[in-house]
Protein backbone atom coordinates (compact mmCIF):
# COMPACT_ATOMS: atom_id res chain seq x y z
CA MET A 1 12.89 124.87 144.60
CA THR A 2 16.66 125.17 144.07
CA ILE A 3 18.53 122.86 141.73
CA ALA A 4 20.74 121.57 144.54
CA ILE A 5 17.72 120.46 146.59
CA LEU A 6 16.15 118.77 143.55
CA LEU A 7 19.38 116.87 142.85
CA ILE A 8 19.60 115.73 146.48
CA LEU A 9 15.99 114.55 146.40
CA ALA A 10 16.68 112.68 143.15
CA TYR A 11 19.64 110.98 144.78
CA PHE A 12 17.47 109.97 147.75
CA PHE A 13 14.86 108.53 145.36
CA GLY A 14 17.56 106.47 143.68
CA SER A 15 18.96 105.37 147.02
CA VAL A 16 15.91 103.30 147.89
CA PRO A 17 17.56 99.82 147.95
CA THR A 18 14.65 97.86 146.51
CA ALA A 19 16.39 94.50 146.11
CA VAL A 20 17.94 94.70 149.59
CA TRP A 21 14.65 95.52 151.32
CA VAL A 22 12.61 92.98 149.36
CA SER A 23 15.15 90.23 150.07
CA LYS A 24 15.25 91.08 153.79
CA TRP A 25 11.52 91.65 154.35
CA PHE A 26 10.13 88.76 152.32
CA PHE A 27 12.95 86.21 152.21
CA GLY A 28 14.94 86.84 155.36
CA ILE A 29 18.25 87.30 153.50
CA ASP A 30 20.49 90.08 152.26
CA ILE A 31 20.66 89.61 148.50
CA ARG A 32 24.17 91.12 148.48
CA GLU A 33 25.37 87.96 150.21
CA HIS A 34 24.03 85.68 147.46
CA GLY A 35 24.57 85.13 143.75
CA SER A 36 26.62 87.90 142.18
CA GLY A 37 26.42 90.00 145.35
CA ASN A 38 24.73 92.75 143.36
CA ALA A 39 21.66 94.56 144.73
CA GLY A 40 19.84 94.85 141.42
CA ALA A 41 17.10 93.28 139.36
CA THR A 42 19.39 90.73 137.68
CA ASN A 43 20.45 89.17 140.96
CA ALA A 44 16.90 89.47 142.29
CA PHE A 45 15.58 87.43 139.35
CA ARG A 46 18.29 84.83 139.89
CA ILE A 47 18.01 84.52 143.69
CA LEU A 48 14.44 85.54 144.52
CA GLY A 49 12.63 84.37 141.38
CA SER A 50 10.70 86.03 138.57
CA LYS A 51 7.88 87.51 140.69
CA ALA A 52 10.16 89.26 143.19
CA GLY A 53 12.64 90.11 140.44
CA SER A 54 9.90 91.80 138.40
CA MET A 55 8.80 93.82 141.43
CA VAL A 56 12.37 94.96 142.07
CA MET A 57 12.81 95.93 138.42
CA LEU A 58 9.57 97.94 138.29
CA ILE A 59 10.28 99.84 141.51
CA ASP A 60 13.84 100.58 140.41
CA MET A 61 12.47 101.95 137.16
CA MET A 62 10.05 104.16 139.11
CA LYS A 63 12.96 105.67 141.02
CA GLY A 64 14.46 107.07 137.83
CA PHE A 65 11.03 108.05 136.48
CA LEU A 66 10.04 110.07 139.56
CA ALA A 67 13.47 111.65 139.92
CA VAL A 68 13.20 113.14 136.43
CA LYS A 69 9.72 114.48 137.21
CA LEU A 70 11.28 116.66 139.91
CA ALA A 71 12.31 118.99 137.06
CA TYR A 72 8.74 120.31 137.02
CA PHE A 73 9.42 121.88 140.42
CA SER A 74 12.16 124.04 138.91
CA ALA A 75 11.78 127.49 137.37
CA TYR A 76 12.84 126.32 133.92
CA THR A 77 10.53 126.48 130.93
CA ILE A 78 9.10 123.02 130.22
CA ASN A 79 10.80 121.27 127.27
CA GLY A 80 13.39 124.03 126.95
CA GLU A 81 17.09 123.15 126.68
CA ALA A 82 17.77 123.96 130.34
CA PHE A 83 14.76 121.86 131.38
CA VAL A 84 15.95 118.82 129.40
CA ASN A 85 19.47 119.24 130.81
CA LEU A 86 18.03 119.28 134.32
CA GLN A 87 16.00 116.14 133.59
CA VAL A 88 19.16 114.36 132.52
CA PHE A 89 21.08 115.41 135.65
CA LEU A 90 18.19 114.49 137.95
CA GLY A 91 17.99 111.07 136.34
CA LEU A 92 21.73 110.60 136.70
CA ALA A 93 21.51 111.59 140.36
CA ALA A 94 18.96 108.82 140.87
CA VAL A 95 21.23 106.33 139.08
CA VAL A 96 24.13 107.35 141.31
CA GLY A 97 21.83 106.85 144.29
CA HIS A 98 20.96 103.36 143.07
CA ILE A 99 24.62 102.42 142.65
CA PHE A 100 25.69 104.05 145.94
CA PRO A 101 22.54 104.05 148.13
CA ILE A 102 22.79 105.98 151.38
CA TRP A 103 20.11 103.71 152.86
CA ALA A 104 22.16 100.52 152.27
CA ASP A 105 25.78 101.29 153.15
CA PHE A 106 26.45 102.63 149.64
CA ARG A 107 26.34 99.09 148.19
CA GLY A 108 23.74 99.00 145.44
CA GLY A 109 23.16 97.70 141.93
CA LYS A 110 24.32 98.72 138.46
CA GLY A 111 21.45 101.11 137.77
CA ILE A 112 20.08 99.65 134.54
CA ALA A 113 16.41 99.61 135.58
CA THR A 114 16.73 103.11 137.04
CA LEU A 115 18.22 104.28 133.74
CA PHE A 116 15.23 102.81 131.91
CA GLY A 117 12.87 104.68 134.22
CA MET A 118 14.79 107.88 133.64
CA ILE A 119 14.54 107.51 129.85
CA LEU A 120 10.85 106.62 130.14
CA SER A 121 10.23 109.87 131.97
CA ILE A 122 12.18 112.01 129.49
CA GLN A 123 11.09 110.39 126.20
CA TYR A 124 8.67 107.51 126.57
CA MET A 125 8.79 106.32 122.95
CA VAL A 126 12.53 105.75 123.20
CA ALA A 127 12.04 103.97 126.52
CA PHE A 128 9.33 101.68 125.11
CA SER A 129 11.63 100.81 122.22
CA LEU A 130 14.47 99.99 124.62
CA ILE A 131 12.22 97.96 126.89
CA GLY A 132 11.06 96.05 123.83
CA VAL A 133 14.68 95.30 122.90
CA PHE A 134 15.46 94.29 126.48
CA LEU A 135 12.45 91.98 126.88
CA LEU A 136 12.93 90.36 123.49
CA MET A 137 16.57 89.60 124.23
CA LEU A 138 15.66 88.38 127.73
CA PHE A 139 12.97 86.08 126.36
CA ILE A 140 15.33 84.65 123.74
CA THR A 141 18.46 84.25 125.85
CA ARG A 142 17.38 84.41 129.55
CA TYR A 143 20.45 86.59 130.15
CA VAL A 144 19.56 89.85 131.93
CA SER A 145 23.11 91.12 131.48
CA LEU A 146 23.07 90.56 127.71
CA SER A 147 19.60 92.12 127.51
CA SER A 148 20.84 95.21 129.37
CA ILE A 149 23.93 95.50 127.18
CA THR A 150 21.89 95.15 123.98
CA ALA A 151 19.38 97.78 125.09
CA SER A 152 22.15 100.17 126.13
CA ILE A 153 23.79 99.90 122.70
CA ALA A 154 20.40 100.43 121.05
CA PHE A 155 19.89 103.64 123.07
CA PRO A 156 22.34 105.95 121.22
CA LEU A 157 21.43 104.34 117.89
CA LEU A 158 17.77 105.22 118.45
CA ILE A 159 18.61 108.74 119.66
CA LEU A 160 21.00 109.54 116.83
CA PHE A 161 19.45 107.79 113.83
CA ILE A 162 15.79 106.97 114.50
CA PHE A 163 14.39 109.71 116.73
CA ASN A 164 17.05 112.22 115.65
CA GLU A 165 17.14 113.94 119.05
CA LYS A 166 18.60 117.45 118.75
CA GLU A 167 19.54 118.16 122.38
CA LEU A 168 23.32 117.78 122.63
CA SER A 169 23.23 116.82 126.31
CA TYR A 170 20.77 114.01 125.59
CA ARG A 171 22.84 112.71 122.68
CA LEU A 172 26.00 112.72 124.79
CA PHE A 173 24.11 111.07 127.63
CA ALA A 174 22.93 108.25 125.34
CA ILE A 175 26.46 107.59 124.07
CA SER A 176 27.92 107.78 127.59
CA THR A 177 25.27 105.41 128.91
CA ALA A 178 26.18 102.75 126.36
CA CYS A 179 29.87 103.07 127.23
CA LEU A 180 29.16 103.01 130.97
CA VAL A 181 26.99 99.89 130.74
CA LEU A 182 29.67 98.11 128.72
CA LEU A 183 32.25 99.12 131.32
CA THR A 184 30.19 98.05 134.36
CA HIS A 185 29.30 94.75 132.69
CA HIS A 186 32.83 93.75 131.69
CA LYS A 187 32.73 90.73 134.01
CA ASN A 188 29.36 89.69 132.57
CA ILE A 189 30.74 90.05 129.04
CA SER A 190 33.67 87.82 129.97
CA ARG A 191 31.32 85.18 131.41
CA LEU A 192 29.08 85.39 128.33
CA LEU A 193 32.05 84.84 126.02
CA HIS A 194 33.14 81.83 128.08
CA GLY A 195 29.61 80.45 128.45
CA ASN A 196 29.64 80.87 132.24
CA GLU A 197 26.95 83.54 132.65
CA ASN A 198 23.92 82.45 134.67
CA LYS A 199 20.46 82.56 133.15
CA VAL A 200 17.41 83.81 135.04
CA PRO A 201 14.38 81.59 135.80
CA LEU A 202 11.72 83.67 134.05
CA PHE A 203 8.88 81.21 134.46
CA ARG A 204 10.09 79.27 137.46
CA LYS A 205 9.37 79.83 141.13
CA ASN A 206 12.22 81.03 143.28
CA LYS A 207 14.29 78.59 145.26
CA MET A 208 14.33 80.75 148.37
CA ARG A 209 11.55 80.12 150.84
CA ASN A 210 9.36 83.04 151.77
CA LYS A 211 10.10 84.35 155.22
CA ALA A 212 6.51 83.75 156.21
CA ASP A 213 6.55 80.07 155.18
C-alpha cells in the first residue's frame, strides 16, 4: 500500500469526532456549543461527566494507536529508521485529523489523547510513563489542561534522558510536541495563572441529562 494512501487513512482515523458524536447521540447536544467549545476529552469531562469523558479519551487514544499501526502495511522493514519515521508521520496525520476532522466541519479538539495513543503504539513504555504523569497530575489538581501540559513536557525529557531514544525524527517529534502543546494551551496557561481554569468532575455524575431520559 502506498505511503500517500496510508497517510490519508490515518487522517480519516483521526477525523472521527468522538466528542461530537457522543454528545449528539447520547446527550442531544453539540459539545462545541458548550464549555470551552472544544471537541476534545477535556471539554467532554467538563460537560458530559467522567464516564462519557473517559470514553471519549479512550477512543481518541485509539485513533492515534491504530493510525500508527498502518505502518505495518508498508514495504518498510519493521523497526528500521524509515519504518519509525513513517509511524511518526502516520500518527501526526491522525492528530491533524483530530484537530481538523473532515467528518465534523474541520472543528475538532487539540489532539492530546490522540497523541498519547500514537506514542503508545510506537513505544508503549514511554506512553505508560506519560499516562502515569497525566493521571497523577489530574488526580491531584483536577485540571486536564495542566495534566496535558505536564505530560507533554515530560515526553522529550523521557525520550532524551531516560529512554535515550536514538531516532532523530522521534527526538525532534518529542520536542516539537511539547512546544506545540504549550502553544495550543496558551489560553489555558493564562487561566491557570489567574486561577480561572475550570476543574473536571472526576467522580461526579454529569449535569447533562441523557438523551434517553
